[in-house]
N, C-alpha and C. Protein backbone atom coordinates (compact mmCIF):
# COMPACT_ATOMS: atom_id res chain seq x y z
N ALA A 1 9.86 27.72 -23.76
CA ALA A 1 10.45 27.84 -25.19
C ALA A 1 10.65 26.32 -25.05
N PRO A 2 9.81 26.02 -25.87
CA PRO A 2 9.62 24.68 -27.02
C PRO A 2 11.10 24.00 -27.22
N ASP A 3 11.83 25.35 -28.35
CA ASP A 3 13.01 24.80 -28.52
C ASP A 3 14.43 24.51 -27.61
N ALA A 4 14.23 24.72 -26.18
CA ALA A 4 14.94 24.63 -25.40
C ALA A 4 15.50 23.22 -25.07
N PHE A 5 14.43 22.38 -24.95
CA PHE A 5 15.00 21.01 -24.62
C PHE A 5 15.30 20.24 -25.59
N PRO A 6 14.76 20.31 -27.03
CA PRO A 6 15.94 19.50 -27.64
C PRO A 6 16.89 19.93 -28.02
N MET A 7 17.42 21.33 -27.47
CA MET A 7 18.82 21.49 -27.56
C MET A 7 19.57 20.88 -26.32
N ARG A 8 19.30 21.20 -25.15
CA ARG A 8 19.65 20.29 -24.57
C ARG A 8 19.78 18.97 -24.37
N PHE A 9 18.86 17.97 -25.57
CA PHE A 9 18.91 16.50 -25.46
C PHE A 9 20.06 16.33 -26.59
N ILE A 10 20.34 17.65 -27.36
CA ILE A 10 21.36 17.37 -28.50
C ILE A 10 22.67 17.60 -27.78
N VAL A 11 22.82 18.61 -26.46
CA VAL A 11 24.15 18.96 -25.84
C VAL A 11 24.41 16.95 -25.41
N VAL A 12 23.18 16.95 -24.54
CA VAL A 12 23.15 15.49 -24.04
C VAL A 12 24.30 14.57 -24.33
N LEU A 13 23.15 14.19 -25.60
CA LEU A 13 24.28 13.29 -26.60
C LEU A 13 24.94 13.58 -26.60
N LEU A 14 25.90 14.48 -26.90
CA LEU A 14 26.94 14.80 -27.62
C LEU A 14 28.34 14.44 -26.39
N LEU A 15 27.59 15.12 -25.32
CA LEU A 15 28.52 14.88 -24.46
C LEU A 15 29.04 13.21 -23.44
N SER A 16 27.43 12.60 -23.68
CA SER A 16 27.60 11.14 -23.66
C SER A 16 28.73 10.71 -24.55
N GLN A 17 28.79 11.26 -25.76
CA GLN A 17 29.81 10.59 -27.22
C GLN A 17 30.79 10.69 -26.42
N ILE A 18 31.46 12.34 -26.10
CA ILE A 18 32.63 12.37 -26.19
C ILE A 18 33.19 11.32 -24.73
N PHE A 19 32.07 11.38 -23.54
CA PHE A 19 32.88 10.59 -22.24
C PHE A 19 32.62 9.67 -22.81
N PHE A 20 32.21 8.89 -23.10
CA PHE A 20 31.87 7.55 -23.42
C PHE A 20 32.39 6.59 -24.27
N THR A 21 32.42 6.83 -25.82
CA THR A 21 32.86 6.63 -26.26
C THR A 21 34.32 6.19 -26.98
N PRO A 22 35.18 6.96 -26.50
CA PRO A 22 36.68 6.81 -26.06
C PRO A 22 37.27 5.91 -24.94
N THR A 23 35.95 5.31 -23.78
CA THR A 23 35.98 4.70 -23.22
C THR A 23 36.25 2.88 -23.77
N ILE A 24 35.09 3.38 -23.84
CA ILE A 24 34.67 2.04 -25.07
C ILE A 24 36.26 1.49 -26.18
N ASP A 25 36.45 2.50 -27.12
CA ASP A 25 37.73 2.39 -27.88
C ASP A 25 38.73 1.88 -27.25
N LYS A 26 38.90 2.24 -25.92
CA LYS A 26 40.53 2.18 -25.65
C LYS A 26 40.19 1.02 -24.79
N GLU A 27 39.25 -0.02 -24.57
CA GLU A 27 39.25 -0.95 -23.75
C GLU A 27 38.61 -1.71 -23.95
N PRO A 28 38.11 -2.18 -25.04
CA PRO A 28 37.68 -3.17 -25.50
C PRO A 28 37.69 -4.61 -25.23
N ARG A 29 39.24 -4.79 -24.87
CA ARG A 29 39.67 -6.52 -23.95
C ARG A 29 38.95 -6.43 -22.94
N ASN A 30 38.72 -5.08 -22.23
CA ASN A 30 37.94 -5.67 -20.95
C ASN A 30 36.30 -5.92 -20.48
N HIS A 31 36.16 -5.71 -21.90
CA HIS A 31 34.44 -5.80 -21.71
C HIS A 31 34.14 -7.09 -22.85
N PRO A 32 34.09 -8.51 -22.35
CA PRO A 32 34.04 -9.27 -23.37
C PRO A 32 32.64 -9.05 -24.11
N ALA A 33 31.56 -8.41 -23.62
CA ALA A 33 30.20 -8.61 -23.82
C ALA A 33 29.95 -8.09 -25.73
N LEU A 34 31.28 -6.86 -25.13
CA LEU A 34 31.50 -5.44 -26.78
C LEU A 34 32.51 -6.40 -27.51
N ALA A 35 33.23 -7.03 -26.78
CA ALA A 35 34.64 -7.27 -27.82
C ALA A 35 33.80 -8.62 -28.93
N GLY A 36 33.19 -9.59 -27.95
CA GLY A 36 32.53 -10.52 -28.88
C GLY A 36 31.19 -10.35 -29.77
């Protein structure tokens, strides 16, 4: 099914945002590259 891959890709993007975005928002001071 050609439609299965795009859906999985979107889910992975959403999961990555859910898991990684809060970490960046909560600890910007611990990452000079991101804070600068």
